[in-house]
C-alpha atoms as a PDB file:
ATOM      1  CA  MET A   1     -17.579 -61.325 -31.350  1.00  0.00           C
ATOM      2  CA  GLU A   2     -14.799 -58.747 -31.355  1.00  0.00           C
ATOM      3  CA  GLU A   3     -14.538 -56.803 -28.121  1.00  0.00           C
ATOM      4  CA  LEU A   4     -14.344 -53.028 -28.625  1.00  0.00           C
ATOM      5  CA  GLU A   5     -12.104 -50.856 -26.490  1.00  0.00           C
ATOM      6  CA  HIS A   6     -13.288 -47.600 -25.017  1.00  0.00           C
ATOM      7  CA  THR A   7     -12.045 -44.481 -26.790  1.00  0.00           C
ATOM      8  CA  CYS A   8     -13.885 -41.986 -24.602  1.00  0.00           C
ATOM      9  CA  PRO A   9     -11.995 -38.711 -24.194  1.00  0.00           C
ATOM     10  CA  HIS A  10     -10.167 -38.386 -20.890  1.00  0.00           C
ATOM     11  CA  PRO A  11     -10.109 -35.386 -18.590  1.00  0.00           C
ATOM     12  CA  ARG A  12      -7.714 -32.622 -19.490  1.00  0.00           C
ATOM     13  CA  THR A  13      -4.291 -32.850 -17.891  1.00  0.00           C
ATOM     14  CA  THR A  14      -3.392 -29.223 -18.623  1.00  0.00           C
ATOM     15  CA  LEU A  15      -5.160 -25.931 -18.031  1.00  0.00           C
ATOM     16  CA  THR A  16      -3.344 -23.894 -20.668  1.00  0.00           C
ATOM     17  CA  LYS A  17      -6.044 -24.387 -23.312  1.00  0.00           C
ATOM     18  CA  PRO A  18      -9.816 -23.762 -23.135  1.00  0.00           C
ATOM     19  CA  ALA A  19     -12.223 -26.675 -23.121  1.00  0.00           C
ATOM     20  CA  ILE A  20     -13.376 -28.113 -26.428  1.00  0.00           C
ATOM     21  CA  PHE A  21     -16.846 -27.703 -27.916  1.00  0.00           C
ATOM     22  CA  ALA A  22     -18.909 -30.863 -28.212  1.00  0.00           C
ATOM     23  CA  ARG A  23     -19.281 -32.145 -31.781  1.00  0.00           C
ATOM     24  CA  GLU A  24     -22.603 -32.872 -33.372  1.00  0.00           C
ATOM     25  CA  SER A  25     -21.864 -36.597 -33.484  1.00  0.00           C
ATOM     26  CA  SER A  26     -21.271 -36.501 -29.725  1.00  0.00           C
ATOM     27  CA  CYS A  27     -19.091 -39.255 -28.306  1.00  0.00           C
ATOM     28  CA  ASP A  28     -17.388 -41.311 -31.025  1.00  0.00           C
ATOM     29  CA  CYS A  29     -16.631 -44.260 -28.743  1.00  0.00           C
ATOM     30  CA  ARG A  30     -18.306 -47.422 -30.105  1.00  0.00           C
ATOM     31  CA  ALA A  31     -17.715 -49.590 -27.057  1.00  0.00           C
ATOM     32  CA  PRO A  32     -20.826 -50.519 -25.089  1.00  0.00           C
ATOM     33  CA  HIS A  33     -21.621 -47.933 -22.428  1.00  0.00           C
ATOM     34  CA  GLU A  34     -22.676 -49.951 -19.418  1.00  0.00           C
ATOM     35  CA  LYS A  35     -24.804 -48.307 -16.788  1.00  0.00           C
ATOM     36  CA  LEU A  36     -23.055 -47.403 -13.521  1.00  0.00           C
ATOM     37  CA  THR A  37     -24.252 -46.938 -10.010  1.00  0.00           C
ATOM     38  CA  ILE A  38     -23.058 -44.089  -7.830  1.00  0.00           C
ATOM     39  CA  ALA A  39     -21.293 -46.558  -5.529  1.00  0.00           C
ATOM     40  CA  GLN A  40     -19.365 -48.094  -8.455  1.00  0.00           C
ATOM     41  CA  ALA A  41     -18.353 -44.667  -9.750  1.00  0.00           C
ATOM     42  CA  ARG A  42     -17.092 -43.608  -6.334  1.00  0.00           C
ATOM     43  CA  ARG A  43     -14.947 -46.752  -6.139  1.00  0.00           C
ATOM     44  CA  GLY A  44     -13.228 -45.679  -9.355  1.00  0.00           C
ATOM     45  CA  THR A  45     -14.820 -48.160 -11.742  1.00  0.00           C
ATOM     46  CA  PRO A  46     -14.753 -48.656 -14.606  1.00  0.00           C
ATOM     47  CA  VAL A  47     -10.995 -48.338 -14.970  1.00  0.00           C
ATOM     48  CA  ASP A  48     -10.937 -48.174 -18.770  1.00  0.00           C
ATOM     49  CA  ARG A  49     -12.917 -44.941 -19.122  1.00  0.00           C
ATOM     50  CA  PRO A  50     -13.824 -41.821 -17.118  1.00  0.00           C
ATOM     51  CA  VAL A  51     -17.233 -41.278 -15.587  1.00  0.00           C
ATOM     52  CA  ARG A  52     -19.147 -38.879 -17.848  1.00  0.00           C
ATOM     53  CA  VAL A  53     -20.953 -36.239 -15.726  1.00  0.00           C
ATOM     54  CA  TYR A  54     -23.282 -33.659 -17.242  1.00  0.00           C
ATOM     55  CA  ALA A  55     -24.151 -30.246 -15.720  1.00  0.00           C
ATOM     56  CA  ASP A  56     -26.340 -27.698 -17.486  1.00  0.00           C
ATOM     57  CA  GLY A  57     -27.489 -24.160 -16.884  1.00  0.00           C
ATOM     58  CA  ILE A  58     -27.750 -20.610 -18.191  1.00  0.00           C
ATOM     59  CA  PHE A  59     -24.509 -19.363 -16.605  1.00  0.00           C
ATOM     60  CA  ASP A  60     -25.375 -15.697 -17.171  1.00  0.00           C
ATOM     61  CA  LEU A  61     -22.890 -13.277 -15.581  1.00  0.00           C
ATOM     62  CA  PHE A  62     -20.609 -16.218 -14.796  1.00  0.00           C
ATOM     63  CA  HIS A  63     -19.572 -15.899 -11.140  1.00  0.00           C
ATOM     64  CA  SER A  64     -17.987 -17.823  -8.286  1.00  0.00           C
ATOM     65  CA  GLY A  65     -21.231 -19.640  -7.468  1.00  0.00           C
ATOM     66  CA  HIS A  66     -21.208 -21.208 -10.941  1.00  0.00           C
ATOM     67  CA  ALA A  67     -17.543 -22.122 -10.647  1.00  0.00           C
ATOM     68  CA  ARG A  68     -18.015 -23.769  -7.246  1.00  0.00           C
ATOM     69  CA  ALA A  69     -20.919 -25.860  -8.543  1.00  0.00           C
ATOM     70  CA  LEU A  70     -18.785 -27.074 -11.460  1.00  0.00           C
ATOM     71  CA  MET A  71     -15.917 -27.793  -9.094  1.00  0.00           C
ATOM     72  CA  GLN A  72     -18.185 -30.029  -7.036  1.00  0.00           C
ATOM     73  CA  ALA A  73     -19.395 -31.822 -10.170  1.00  0.00           C
ATOM     74  CA  LYS A  74     -15.819 -32.363 -11.315  1.00  0.00           C
ATOM     75  CA  ASN A  75     -14.791 -33.857  -7.962  1.00  0.00           C
ATOM     76  CA  LEU A  76     -17.770 -36.213  -7.538  1.00  0.00           C
ATOM     77  CA  PHE A  77     -15.733 -39.247  -8.603  1.00  0.00           C
ATOM     78  CA  PRO A  78     -12.032 -40.131  -8.840  1.00  0.00           C
ATOM     79  CA  ASN A  79     -12.036 -40.005 -12.659  1.00  0.00           C
ATOM     80  CA  THR A  80     -14.612 -37.517 -13.994  1.00  0.00           C
ATOM     81  CA  TYR A  81     -15.097 -36.118 -17.467  1.00  0.00           C
ATOM     82  CA  LEU A  82     -17.298 -33.031 -17.032  1.00  0.00           C
ATOM     83  CA  ILE A  83     -19.609 -31.947 -19.854  1.00  0.00           C
ATOM     84  CA  VAL A  84     -21.364 -28.593 -19.389  1.00  0.00           C
ATOM     85  CA  GLY A  85     -24.470 -27.783 -21.375  1.00  0.00           C
ATOM     86  CA  VAL A  86     -25.315 -24.122 -21.987  1.00  0.00           C
ATOM     87  CA  CYS A  87     -28.802 -23.145 -23.143  1.00  0.00           C
ATOM     88  CA  SER A  88     -29.198 -20.771 -26.064  1.00  0.00           C
ATOM     89  CA  ASP A  89     -30.662 -17.280 -25.914  1.00  0.00           C
ATOM     90  CA  GLU A  90     -33.861 -18.446 -27.614  1.00  0.00           C
ATOM     91  CA  LEU A  91     -34.642 -21.098 -25.014  1.00  0.00           C
ATOM     92  CA  THR A  92     -33.567 -18.917 -22.108  1.00  0.00           C
ATOM     93  CA  HIS A  93     -35.660 -15.922 -23.175  1.00  0.00           C
ATOM     94  CA  LYS A  94     -38.628 -18.241 -23.711  1.00  0.00           C
ATOM     95  CA  PHE A  95     -38.570 -20.120 -20.398  1.00  0.00           C
ATOM     96  CA  LYS A  96     -36.652 -17.885 -17.987  1.00  0.00           C
ATOM     97  CA  GLY A  97     -36.162 -14.332 -19.205  1.00  0.00           C
ATOM     98  CA  PHE A  98     -33.762 -11.906 -20.776  1.00  0.00           C
ATOM     99  CA  THR A  99     -30.038 -12.427 -20.197  1.00  0.00           C
ATOM    100  CA  VAL A 100     -27.268  -9.883 -19.742  1.00  0.00           C
ATOM    101  CA  MET A 101     -24.683 -11.883 -21.681  1.00  0.00           C
ATOM    102  CA  THR A 102     -25.285 -13.373 -25.115  1.00  0.00           C
ATOM    103  CA  GLU A 103     -25.078 -17.120 -25.655  1.00  0.00           C
ATOM    104  CA  PHE A 104     -21.679 -16.829 -27.342  1.00  0.00           C
ATOM    105  CA  GLU A 105     -20.319 -14.867 -24.395  1.00  0.00           C
ATOM    106  CA  ARG A 106     -21.656 -17.516 -22.054  1.00  0.00           C
ATOM    107  CA  TYR A 107     -20.128 -20.307 -24.130  1.00  0.00           C
ATOM    108  CA  GLU A 108     -16.717 -18.683 -23.960  1.00  0.00           C
ATOM    109  CA  ALA A 109     -17.008 -18.046 -20.228  1.00  0.00           C
ATOM    110  CA  LEU A 110     -17.570 -21.767 -19.643  1.00  0.00           C
ATOM    111  CA  ARG A 111     -14.733 -22.802 -21.927  1.00  0.00           C
ATOM    112  CA  HIS A 112     -12.248 -20.955 -19.726  1.00  0.00           C
ATOM    113  CA  CYS A 113     -13.348 -22.530 -16.453  1.00  0.00           C
ATOM    114  CA  ARG A 114     -10.656 -24.890 -15.178  1.00  0.00           C
ATOM    115  CA  TYR A 115     -13.110 -27.646 -14.179  1.00  0.00           C
ATOM    116  CA  VAL A 116     -14.811 -27.985 -17.580  1.00  0.00           C
ATOM    117  CA  ASP A 117     -13.682 -30.630 -20.085  1.00  0.00           C
ATOM    118  CA  GLU A 118     -16.291 -30.067 -22.796  1.00  0.00           C
ATOM    119  CA  VAL A 119     -18.945 -27.421 -23.576  1.00  0.00           C
ATOM    120  CA  LEU A 120     -22.209 -28.424 -25.209  1.00  0.00           C
ATOM    121  CA  ARG A 121     -23.820 -25.501 -27.047  1.00  0.00           C
ATOM    122  CA  ASP A 122     -27.581 -25.055 -27.449  1.00  0.00           C
ATOM    123  CA  ALA A 123     -28.333 -27.523 -24.665  1.00  0.00           C
ATOM    124  CA  PRO A 124     -31.931 -28.760 -24.299  1.00  0.00           C
ATOM    125  CA  TRP A 125     -34.145 -27.342 -21.560  1.00  0.00           C
ATOM    126  CA  THR A 126     -35.359 -30.799 -20.528  1.00  0.00           C
ATOM    127  CA  LEU A 127     -33.103 -33.851 -20.657  1.00  0.00           C
ATOM    128  CA  THR A 128     -34.541 -36.754 -22.572  1.00  0.00           C
ATOM    129  CA  PRO A 129     -33.353 -40.381 -22.489  1.00  0.00           C
ATOM    130  CA  GLU A 130     -32.312 -40.044 -26.143  1.00  0.00           C
ATOM    131  CA  PHE A 131     -30.117 -37.072 -25.303  1.00  0.00           C
ATOM    132  CA  LEU A 132     -28.484 -38.938 -22.404  1.00  0.00           C
ATOM    133  CA  GLU A 133     -27.848 -41.976 -24.596  1.00  0.00           C
ATOM    134  CA  LYS A 134     -26.466 -39.922 -27.466  1.00  0.00           C
ATOM    135  CA  HIS A 135     -23.854 -38.247 -25.267  1.00  0.00           C
ATOM    136  CA  LYS A 136     -23.300 -41.379 -23.138  1.00  0.00           C
ATOM    137  CA  ILE A 137     -23.939 -39.495 -19.921  1.00  0.00           C
ATOM    138  CA  ASP A 138     -23.611 -41.463 -16.691  1.00  0.00           C
ATOM    139  CA  PHE A 139     -24.820 -38.879 -14.160  1.00  0.00           C
ATOM    140  CA  VAL A 140     -26.361 -35.405 -14.050  1.00  0.00           C
ATOM    141  CA  ALA A 141     -25.116 -32.902 -11.446  1.00  0.00           C
ATOM    142  CA  HIS A 142     -27.237 -30.025 -10.152  1.00  0.00           C
ATOM    143  CA  ASP A 143     -28.362 -28.585  -6.845  1.00  0.00           C
ATOM    144  CA  ASP A 144     -31.118 -30.570  -5.146  1.00  0.00           C
ATOM    145  CA  ILE A 145     -33.651 -27.715  -5.020  1.00  0.00           C
ATOM    146  CA  PRO A 146     -36.657 -28.560  -7.280  1.00  0.00           C
ATOM    147  CA  TYR A 147     -36.336 -26.543 -10.495  1.00  0.00           C
ATOM    148  CA  SER A 148     -39.833 -25.726 -11.721  1.00  0.00           C
ATOM    149  CA  SER A 149     -39.989 -24.645 -15.354  1.00  0.00           C
ATOM    150  CA  ALA A 150     -41.695 -25.396 -18.670  1.00  0.00           C
ATOM    151  CA  GLY A 151     -44.850 -26.602 -16.938  1.00  0.00           C
ATOM    152  CA  SER A 152     -42.999 -29.065 -14.692  1.00  0.00           C
ATOM    153  CA  GLU A 153     -42.571 -28.906 -10.944  1.00  0.00           C
ATOM    154  CA  ASP A 154     -39.044 -30.282 -11.257  1.00  0.00           C
ATOM    155  CA  VAL A 155     -37.334 -30.745 -14.627  1.00  0.00           C
ATOM    156  CA  TYR A 156     -34.880 -33.196 -13.023  1.00  0.00           C
ATOM    157  CA  LYS A 157     -37.549 -35.426 -11.472  1.00  0.00           C
ATOM    158  CA  HIS A 158     -37.174 -38.271 -14.022  1.00  0.00           C
ATOM    159  CA  ILE A 159     -33.362 -38.075 -13.696  1.00  0.00           C
ATOM    160  CA  LYS A 160     -33.637 -38.511  -9.929  1.00  0.00           C
ATOM    161  CA  GLU A 161     -36.015 -41.454 -10.355  1.00  0.00           C
ATOM    162  CA  ALA A 162     -33.577 -43.141 -12.746  1.00  0.00           C
ATOM    163  CA  GLY A 163     -30.761 -42.943 -10.146  1.00  0.00           C
ATOM    164  CA  MET A 164     -28.620 -40.708 -12.348  1.00  0.00           C
ATOM    165  CA  PHE A 165     -28.871 -37.502 -10.313  1.00  0.00           C
ATOM    166  CA  VAL A 166     -25.959 -36.349  -8.112  1.00  0.00           C
ATOM    167  CA  PRO A 167     -26.649 -33.222  -6.000  1.00  0.00           C
ATOM    168  CA  THR A 168     -24.303 -30.280  -5.528  1.00  0.00           C
ATOM    169  CA  GLN A 169     -24.483 -27.467  -2.973  1.00  0.00           C
ATOM    170  CA  ARG A 170     -25.418 -23.898  -3.849  1.00  0.00           C
ATOM    171  CA  THR A 171     -23.181 -21.053  -2.751  1.00  0.00           C
ATOM    172  CA  GLU A 172     -25.157 -18.706  -0.529  1.00  0.00           C
ATOM    173  CA  GLY A 173     -24.967 -14.960  -1.090  1.00  0.00           C
ATOM    174  CA  ILE A 174     -24.114 -15.049  -4.790  1.00  0.00           C
ATOM    175  CA  SER A 175     -26.325 -15.629  -7.829  1.00  0.00           C
ATOM    176  CA  THR A 176     -27.110 -14.045 -11.168  1.00  0.00           C
ATOM    177  CA  SER A 177     -30.363 -12.663  -9.761  1.00  0.00           C
ATOM    178  CA  ASP A 178     -28.463 -11.052  -6.862  1.00  0.00           C
ATOM    179  CA  LEU A 179     -26.051  -9.362  -9.269  1.00  0.00           C
ATOM    180  CA  ILE A 180     -28.887  -8.016 -11.426  1.00  0.00           C
ATOM    181  CA  THR A 181     -30.643  -6.772  -8.278  1.00  0.00           C
ATOM    182  CA  ARG A 182     -27.533  -4.827  -7.294  1.00  0.00           C
ATOM    183  CA  ILE A 183     -27.361  -3.227 -10.739  1.00  0.00           C
ATOM    184  CA  VAL A 184     -31.043  -2.240 -10.673  1.00  0.00           C
ATOM    185  CA  ARG A 185     -30.737  -0.915  -7.122  1.00  0.00           C
ATOM    186  CA  ASP A 186     -27.711   1.209  -7.957  1.00  0.00           C
ATOM    187  CA  TYR A 187     -28.854   2.106 -11.471  1.00  0.00           C
ATOM    188  CA  ASP A 188     -28.068   5.820 -11.108  1.00  0.00           C
ATOM    189  CA  VAL A 189     -24.507   5.096  -9.985  1.00  0.00           C
ATOM    190  CA  TYR A 190     -23.782   2.815 -12.935  1.00  0.00           C
ATOM    191  CA  ALA A 191     -25.505   5.147 -15.410  1.00  0.00           C
ATOM    192  CA  ARG A 192     -23.395   8.059 -14.210  1.00  0.00           C
ATOM    193  CA  ARG A 193     -20.243   5.946 -14.366  1.00  0.00           C
ATOM    194  CA  ASN A 194     -20.886   4.857 -17.953  1.00  0.00           C
ATOM    195  CA  LEU A 195     -21.748   8.396 -19.021  1.00  0.00           C
ATOM    196  CA  GLN A 196     -18.443   9.510 -17.577  1.00  0.00           C
ATOM    197  CA  ARG A 197     -16.652   6.748 -19.505  1.00  0.00           C
ATOM    198  CA  GLY A 198     -18.001   7.906 -22.862  1.00  0.00           C
ATOM    199  CA  TYR A 199     -21.296   6.075 -23.335  1.00  0.00           C
ATOM    200  CA  THR A 200     -24.141   8.099 -24.814  1.00  0.00           C
ATOM    201  CA  ALA A 201     -27.529   8.637 -23.222  1.00  0.00           C
ATOM    202  CA  LYS A 202     -29.101   6.760 -26.123  1.00  0.00           C
ATOM    203  CA  GLU A 203     -26.943   3.704 -25.506  1.00  0.00           C
ATOM    204  CA  LEU A 204     -27.922   3.778 -21.827  1.00  0.00           C
ATOM    205  CA  ASN A 205     -31.586   4.489 -22.608  1.00  0.00           C
ATOM    206  CA  VAL A 206     -31.436   7.588 -20.400  1.00  0.00           C
ATOM    207  CA  SER A 207     -33.724  10.566 -20.908  1.00  0.00           C
ATOM    208  CA  TYR A 208     -32.414  14.064 -21.645  1.00  0.00           C
ATOM    209  CA  ILE A 209     -33.282  15.369 -18.176  1.00  0.00           C
ATOM    210  CA  ASN A 210     -31.658  12.422 -16.421  1.00  0.00           C
ATOM    211  CA  GLU A 211     -28.586  12.780 -18.580  1.00  0.00           C
ATOM    212  CA  LYS A 212     -28.135  16.401 -17.510  1.00  0.00           C
ATOM    213  CA  LYS A 213     -28.771  15.452 -13.895  1.00  0.00           C
ATOM    214  CA  TYR A 214     -26.185  12.666 -14.011  1.00  0.00           C
ATOM    215  CA  ARG A 215     -23.578  14.871 -15.669  1.00  0.00           C
ATOM    216  CA  LEU A 216     -24.126  17.576 -13.036  1.00  0.00           C
ATOM    217  CA  GLN A 217     -23.748  14.991 -10.302  1.00  0.00           C
ATOM    218  CA  ASN A 218     -20.533  13.765 -11.942  1.00  0.00           C
ATOM    219  CA  GLN A 219     -19.172  17.330 -11.921  1.00  0.00           C
ATOM    220  CA  VAL A 220     -20.083  17.697  -8.252  1.00  0.00           C
ATOM    221  CA  ASP A 221     -18.360  14.410  -7.476  1.00  0.00           C
ATOM    222  CA  ARG A 222     -15.236  15.486  -9.351  1.00  0.00           C
ATOM    223  CA  MET A 223     -15.191  18.742  -7.392  1.00  0.00           C
ATOM    224  CA  LYS A 224     -15.561  16.821  -4.134  1.00  0.00           C
ATOM    225  CA  GLU A 225     -12.736  14.563  -5.190  1.00  0.00           C
ATOM    226  CA  LYS A 226     -10.505  17.551  -5.898  1.00  0.00           C
ATOM    227  CA  VAL A 227     -11.320  19.045  -2.501  1.00  0.00           C
ATOM    228  CA  ARG A 228     -10.610  15.712  -0.866  1.00  0.00           C
ATOM    229  CA  THR A 229      -7.312  15.485  -2.733  1.00  0.00           C
ATOM    230  CA  VAL A 230      -6.318  18.992  -1.621  1.00  0.00           C
ATOM    231  CA  GLU A 231      -7.215  18.111   1.966  1.00  0.00           C
ATOM    232  CA  GLU A 232      -5.112  14.970   1.806  1.00  0.00           C
ATOM    233  CA  LYS A 233      -2.174  16.905   0.365  1.00  0.00           C
ATOM    234  CA  SER A 234      -2.577  19.587   3.037  1.00  0.00           C
ATOM    235  CA  LYS A 235      -2.627  16.959   5.768  1.00  0.00           C
ATOM    236  CA  HIS A 236       0.473  15.393   4.288  1.00  0.00           C
ATOM    237  CA  PHE A 237       2.211  18.796   4.120  1.00  0.00           C
ATOM    238  CA  VAL A 238       1.287  19.605   7.731  1.00  0.00           C
ATOM    239  CA  TYR A 239       2.496  16.195   8.807  1.00  0.00           C
ATOM    240  CA  ARG A 240       5.851  16.757   7.065  1.00  0.00           C
ATOM    241  CA  VAL A 241       6.165  20.223   8.640  1.00  0.00           C
ATOM    242  CA  GLU A 242       5.437  18.730  12.054  1.00  0.00           C
ATOM    243  CA  GLU A 243       8.065  16.081  11.482  1.00  0.00           C
ATOM    244  CA  LYS A 244      10.647  18.669  10.431  1.00  0.00           C
ATOM    245  CA  SER A 245       9.682  20.923  13.348  1.00  0.00           C
ATOM    246  CA  ALA A 246      10.119  18.047  15.750  1.00  0.00           C
ATOM    247  CA  ASP A 247      13.544  17.325  14.258  1.00  0.00           C
ATOM    248  CA  LEU A 248      14.559  20.981  14.526  1.00  0.00           C
ATOM    249  CA  ILE A 249      13.373  21.196  18.131  1.00  0.00           C
ATOM    250  CA  GLN A 250      15.239  18.040  18.991  1.00  0.00           C
ATOM    251  CA  LYS A 251      18.429  19.333  17.365  1.00  0.00           C
ATOM    252  CA  TRP A 252      18.002  22.708  19.096  1.00  0.00           C
ATOM    253  CA  GLU A 253      17.605  20.972  22.453  1.00  0.00           C
ATOM    254  CA  GLU A 254      20.721  18.915  21.817  1.00  0.00           C
ATOM    255  CA  LYS A 255      22.721  22.000  20.822  1.00  0.00           C
ATOM    256  CA  SER A 256      21.346  23.916  23.808  1.00  0.00           C
ATOM    257  CA  ARG A 257      22.369  21.177  26.196  1.00  0.00           C
ATOM    258  CA  GLU A 258      25.790  21.080  24.600  1.00  0.00           C
ATOM    259  CA  PHE A 259      26.190  24.878  24.869  1.00  0.00           C
ATOM    260  CA  ILE A 260      25.013  24.929  28.481  1.00  0.00           C
ATOM    261  CA  GLY A 261      27.377  22.096  29.307  1.00  0.00           C
ATOM    262  CA  ASN A 262      30.314  23.928  27.755  1.00  0.00           C
ATOM    263  CA  PHE A 263      29.315  27.120  29.558  1.00  0.00           C
ATOM    264  CA  LEU A 264      29.175  25.336  32.894  1.00  0.00           C
ATOM    265  CA  GLU A 265      32.551  23.788  32.228  1.00  0.00           C
ATOM    266  CA  LEU A 266      33.987  27.267  31.714  1.00  0.00           C
ATOM    267  CA  PHE A 267      32.076  29.389  34.238  1.00  0.00           C
ATOM    268  CA  GLY A 268      30.743  26.859  36.702  1.00  0.00           C
ATOM    269  CA  PRO A 269      31.880  26.604  40.340  1.00  0.00           C
ATOM    270  CA  ASP A 270      34.574  24.132  39.319  1.00  0.00           C
ATOM    271  CA  GLY A 271      34.973  25.320  35.759  1.00  0.00           C
ATOM    272  CA  THR A 272      38.072  26.008  33.730  1.00  0.00           C
ATOM    273  CA  TRP A 273      37.552  29.759  33.828  1.00  0.00           C
ATOM    274  CA  LYS A 274      37.650  29.786  37.659  1.00  0.00           C
ATOM    275  CA  GLN A 275      40.921  27.883  37.662  1.00  0.00           C
ATOM    276  CA  VAL A 276      42.431  30.322  35.139  1.00  0.00           C
ATOM    277  CA  PHE A 277      41.186  33.295  37.186  1.00  0.00           C
ATOM    278  CA  GLN A 278      42.593  31.844  40.398  1.00  0.00           C
ATOM    279  CA  GLU A 279      45.968  31.238  38.759  1.00  0.00           C
ATOM    280  CA  ARG A 280      46.140  34.802  37.419  1.00  0.00           C
ATOM    281  CA  SER A 281      44.995  36.305  40.746  1.00  0.00           C
ATOM    282  CA  GLY A 282      47.676  34.308  42.554  1.00  0.00           C
ATOM    283  CA  ARG A 283      50.391  35.514  40.215  1.00  0.00           C
ATOM    284  CA  MET A 284      49.294  39.165  40.571  1.00  0.00           C
ATOM    285  CA  LEU A 285      49.174  38.956  44.373  1.00  0.00           C
ATOM    286  CA  SER A 286      52.605  37.385  44.621  1.00  0.00           C
ATOM    287  CA  TYR A 287      53.996  40.059  42.332  1.00  0.00           C
ATOM    288  CA  ALA A 288      52.478  42.816  44.478  1.00  0.00           C
ATOM    289  CA  LEU A 289      53.902  41.382  47.715  1.00  0.00           C
ATOM    290  CA  SER A 290      57.410  40.675  46.412  1.00  0.00           C
ATOM    291  CA  PRO A 291      58.193  42.830  43.365  1.00  0.00           C
ATOM    292  CA  ARG A 292      61.307  42.076  41.437  1.00  0.00           C
ATOM    293  CA  GLY A 293      64.429  44.176  42.298  1.00  0.00           C
ATOM    294  CA  SER A 294      66.491  46.232  39.903  1.00  0.00           C
ATOM    295  CA  PRO A 295      69.312  44.418  38.183  1.00  0.00           C
ATOM    296  CA  CYS A 296      72.726  44.787  39.849  1.00  0.00           C
ATOM    297  CA  ASN A 297      74.540  45.692  36.722  1.00  0.00           C
ATOM    298  CA  SER A 298      72.356  48.688  35.896  1.00  0.00           C
ATOM    299  CA  PRO A 299      74.389  51.793  34.870  1.00  0.00           C
ATOM    300  CA  PRO A 300      74.532  54.734  37.278  1.00  0.00           C
ATOM    301  CA  ARG A 301      71.895  57.336  36.959  1.00  0.00           C
ATOM    302  CA  GLU A 302      74.235  60.079  35.762  1.00  0.00           C
ATOM    303  CA  LEU A 303      75.873  57.822  33.197  1.00  0.00           C
ATOM    304  CA  SER A 304      72.807  56.060  31.991  1.00  0.00           C
ATOM    305  CA  PRO A 305      72.695  56.104  28.223  1.00  0.00           C
ATOM    306  CA  GLN A 306      68.993  56.422  28.292  1.00  0.00           C
ATOM    307  CA  ARG A 307      69.051  59.786  30.046  1.00  0.00           C
ATOM    308  CA  SER A 308      71.263  62.711  28.742  1.00  0.00           C
ATOM    309  CA  PRO A 309      73.141  64.907  31.313  1.00  0.00           C
ATOM    310  CA  SER A 310      71.607  68.223  32.166  1.00  0.00           C
ATOM    311  CA  PRO A 311      73.387  71.269  30.596  1.00  0.00           C
ATOM    312  CA  PRO A 312      75.492  73.423  33.023  1.00  0.00           C
ATOM    313  CA  LEU A 313      73.864  76.513  34.343  1.00  0.00           C
ATOM    314  CA  PRO A 314      75.387  79.887  33.222  1.00  0.00           C
ATOM    315  CA  PRO A 315      77.517  81.748  35.858  1.00  0.00           C
ATOM    316  CA  ARG A 316      75.724  84.422  37.766  1.00  0.00           C
ATOM    317  CA  PRO A 317      77.082  87.992  38.359  1.00  0.00           C
ATOM    318  CA  LEU A 318      79.044  88.598  41.521  1.00  0.00           C
ATOM    319  CA  ALA A 319      76.558  91.020  42.897  1.00  0.00           C
ATOM    320  CA  GLN A 320      73.864  88.435  42.615  1.00  0.00           C
ATOM    321  CA  ARG A 321      76.047  85.837  44.257  1.00  0.00           C
ATOM    322  CA  THR A 322      76.894  88.055  47.266  1.00  0.00           C
ATOM    323  CA  ALA A 323      73.286  89.008  47.575  1.00  0.00           C
ATOM    324  CA  ILE A 324      72.266  85.456  47.758  1.00  0.00           C
ATOM    325  CA  VAL A 325      74.741  84.549  50.516  1.00  0.00           C
ATOM    326  CA  PRO A 326      72.950  85.000  53.819  1.00  0.00           C
ATOM    327  CA  LYS A 327      74.485  87.052  56.570  1.00  0.00           C
ATOM    328  CA  LEU A 328      75.750  85.135  59.511  1.00  0.00           C
ATOM    329  CA  PRO A 329      74.981  86.299  62.951  1.00  0.00           C
ATOM    330  CA  GLN A 330      77.659  88.380  64.717  1.00  0.00           C
ATOM    331  CA  ARG A 331      78.169  85.746  67.307  1.00  0.00           C
ATOM    332  CA  SER A 332      79.093  83.259  64.774  1.00  0.00           C
ATOM    333  CA  VAL A 333      81.535  85.672  63.160  1.00  0.00           C
ATOM    334  CA  GLY A 334      83.142  86.437  66.454  1.00  0.00           C
ATOM    335  CA  LEU A 335      83.588  82.830  67.221  1.00  0.00           C
ATOM    336  CA  HIS A 336      85.159  82.291  63.851  1.00  0.00           C
ATOM    337  CA  GLN A 337      87.558  85.173  64.386  1.00  0.00           C
ATOM    338  CA  GLN A 338      88.379  83.960  67.850  1.00  0.00           C
ATOM    339  CA  HIS A 339      89.169  80.594  66.554  1.00  0.00           C
ATOM    340  CA  GLU A 340      91.526  82.130  64.105  1.00  0.00           C
END
């Protein structure tokens, strides 16, 4: 008998392309698909093909909790080929409820997750042995919390009994239900935001009165934002003025200290001005005590070229000259005659 080689697809080695969609014929490998135990898979056997792990879900509003669950499923074994089944809108609306995203949006969200190798569209709600055999699935990965749906207490109960179930851990604090709860809780905020972005009240299923209320609230918020912006600008302007004032005061203090220093150098007790004043006072005092004499070669007073000689007086009459001569006493005349 001819031995057939495995042609199972291998995990992607690049993340530049989205994951492929599963074909209707499922896995084309004709080699016998032997059943594995979890211990064998963790040891890395078989070596000629990857371990085919299946994870299913709704994946509405795809978030980090979904991505972390798929990451755990991808890293269960050394060589894992991860197939993700996504339920259609019809099944989801029938067994769980209305979704935010359509099935095509959910398919595309899964295709662009880095841990996914293949996306199976219109996945069944309950996994049958025929489905597992058709897609040659070795193990099913899901969180270990019993999932009650479609009249069953746990839709994965028969998978667990068959030894094909591998549990993953849920991420606390994030789920699709939590996200929807936030939207419902803050409905007014999101309705106002979408009205402001151009959506109509009909598209948002908002009544006429609520529409007017939301638009008024948006106007009030815009006004508050303008006031807040003006306050921020004013604070920034005041801060800049304070900075410039501080710089001016600092420069003024530096110039003042420089001026005072120069003043003290000039007019202080040991300043330059005191030395100059003392030198001048000394020169003036010495000049007053010992003035300089006249030069020896100065011209005589009567011949000085700087001063002209006085004009001669006119001769007086004889009568005036005799009248001016004083009379000598007689004694003096007698003595004069006697001497003669």
